[in-house]
Protein backbone atom coordinates (compact mmCIF):
# COMPACT_ATOMS: atom_id res chain seq x y z
CA MET A 1 28.99 69.98 7.06
CA SER A 2 25.51 70.32 8.57
CA THR A 3 24.50 68.63 11.81
CA ALA A 4 21.01 68.07 13.14
CA VAL A 5 19.74 66.96 16.52
CA VAL A 6 16.58 64.88 16.95
CA VAL A 7 14.90 64.24 20.31
CA THR A 8 12.76 61.21 21.18
CA ILE A 9 10.64 61.68 24.31
CA PHE A 10 8.74 58.69 25.72
CA THR A 11 6.08 58.49 28.41
CA VAL A 12 3.29 56.12 29.40
CA VAL A 13 -0.26 57.22 28.55
CA LYS A 14 -3.12 54.90 29.58
CA ASN A 15 -0.64 52.06 30.18
CA ARG A 16 0.79 52.37 26.65
CA LEU A 17 4.28 53.52 25.74
CA SER A 18 3.90 56.77 23.82
CA VAL A 19 6.18 59.15 21.96
CA LEU A 20 5.97 62.92 21.57
CA LEU A 21 5.64 64.06 17.95
CA ILE A 22 5.34 67.43 16.22
CA GLU A 23 3.08 68.09 13.25
CA ARG A 24 5.28 69.85 10.70
CA SER A 25 3.86 73.13 9.46
CA GLY A 26 6.41 73.81 6.73
CA LYS A 27 8.13 72.04 3.87
CA PRO A 28 9.45 69.47 3.50
CA PHE A 29 6.93 67.01 4.92
CA GLN A 30 4.27 69.64 5.62
CA GLY A 31 1.46 68.16 7.72
CA VAL A 32 3.47 65.02 8.54
CA TRP A 33 4.36 64.05 12.10
CA ALA A 34 8.01 64.14 13.17
CA LEU A 35 10.23 63.93 16.20
CA PRO A 36 11.30 67.31 17.61
CA GLY A 37 14.63 68.48 16.23
CA GLY A 38 16.54 70.73 13.92
CA LEU A 39 19.88 72.09 12.87
CA LEU A 40 22.77 72.93 15.15
CA GLN A 41 23.44 76.68 15.21
CA PRO A 42 26.99 78.12 14.94
CA GLY A 43 28.75 77.99 18.30
CA GLU A 44 26.05 75.81 19.86
CA THR A 45 26.83 72.50 21.57
CA LEU A 46 24.88 69.38 20.64
CA ASP A 47 23.32 69.20 24.11
CA ASP A 48 22.28 72.86 23.97
CA ALA A 49 20.75 72.38 20.51
CA ALA A 50 18.73 69.36 21.67
CA THR A 51 17.46 71.25 24.72
CA ARG A 52 16.62 74.33 22.62
CA LYS A 53 14.70 72.37 19.97
CA LEU A 54 12.76 70.43 22.60
CA GLN A 55 11.73 73.63 24.37
CA GLU A 56 10.97 75.55 21.15
CA GLU A 57 8.85 72.83 19.60
CA THR A 58 7.15 71.30 22.65
CA GLY A 59 7.47 73.74 25.55
CA LEU A 60 9.07 71.03 27.71
CA GLN A 61 11.86 72.27 29.97
CA ASP A 62 14.27 70.70 32.44
CA VAL A 63 14.17 67.29 30.77
CA PHE A 64 17.26 65.15 31.27
CA LEU A 65 18.29 64.12 27.75
CA GLU A 66 20.71 61.32 27.03
CA GLN A 67 22.69 61.31 23.80
CA LEU A 68 21.69 58.08 22.13
CA TYR A 69 23.21 57.58 18.70
CA THR A 70 24.82 59.35 15.76
CA PHE A 71 23.56 58.62 12.26
CA ASP A 72 25.46 59.75 9.20
CA ASN A 73 24.03 60.26 5.73
CA LEU A 74 20.43 59.33 6.48
CA ALA A 75 18.48 58.85 3.26
CA GLN A 76 15.79 61.52 3.64
CA THR A 77 17.74 64.34 5.31
CA LYS A 78 20.07 66.91 3.86
CA THR A 79 22.34 66.79 6.89
CA GLU A 80 25.54 64.83 6.97
CA THR A 81 25.20 63.96 10.66
CA THR A 82 22.14 63.50 12.86
CA VAL A 83 22.75 63.17 16.59
CA THR A 84 19.83 61.66 18.47
CA TYR A 85 18.78 62.13 22.09
CA PHE A 86 16.10 60.45 24.15
CA ALA A 87 14.35 60.61 27.50
CA LEU A 88 11.59 58.85 29.40
CA ILE A 89 9.48 61.31 31.36
CA HIS A 90 6.87 60.59 34.01
CA ASP A 91 4.42 63.35 33.32
CA ALA A 92 2.25 62.75 30.27
CA ASP A 93 0.18 65.69 31.47
CA ALA A 94 3.08 68.13 31.12
CA LYS A 95 1.92 71.34 29.51
CA LEU A 96 2.83 71.23 25.82
CA ARG A 97 3.20 74.32 23.67
CA GLN A 98 0.43 74.71 21.10
CA GLU A 99 1.29 77.16 18.33
CA LEU A 100 0.72 77.44 14.60
CA GLU A 101 4.27 76.38 13.84
CA TRP A 102 4.50 73.41 16.22
CA LYS A 103 1.71 71.17 17.45
CA PRO A 104 3.11 68.53 19.82
CA GLU A 105 1.02 65.49 20.67
CA TRP A 106 1.54 62.11 22.37
CA PHE A 107 1.09 59.01 20.19
CA PRO A 108 1.09 55.36 21.31
CA LEU A 109 3.96 53.58 19.55
CA SER A 110 1.57 50.91 18.32
CA THR A 111 -0.45 53.45 16.29
CA LEU A 112 2.36 55.08 14.31
CA LYS A 113 2.28 54.72 10.56
CA SER A 114 4.85 56.94 8.85
CA LEU A 115 6.97 59.83 10.05
CA ALA A 116 8.86 62.63 8.33
CA PHE A 117 12.47 62.27 7.25
CA ASP A 118 14.13 59.14 8.68
CA ASN A 119 12.37 59.54 12.00
CA GLN A 120 10.99 55.98 11.96
CA LYS A 121 14.53 54.59 11.97
CA ILE A 122 15.53 56.99 14.77
CA LEU A 123 12.44 56.09 16.80
CA GLU A 124 13.06 52.35 16.43
CA ASN A 125 16.64 52.84 17.62
CA ALA A 126 15.43 54.76 20.70
CA ARG A 127 12.68 52.24 21.46
CA ASP A 128 15.18 49.38 21.30
CA ARG A 129 17.38 51.24 23.79
CA LEU A 130 14.60 51.32 26.39
């Protein structure tokens, strides 16, 4: 059974609620925006995996993450379980990692069109929780 973690980070940019997304550099969904996340490694806790993926893909550290919801058998993923986390941070100016593999960027929720995998469903769930 494979398990993934997905992290939804919100902040306010220019008085608009915004979410942190990563432009995917590899397949599937190459060039499509997605929430930070990935597979749980052997021996890793869910919380540790969420923290690791957030730091690897965005450079953000020391963010208090709350476990939000567990999805099973999402349509567009090959994982059996996806555990979602979310946080609201104050600093939209936090230094984000910019590398070839991951390109994080803040997007106002009102401008989002389509996201990779089932990230739209995960994002809507997190937004409703706020």
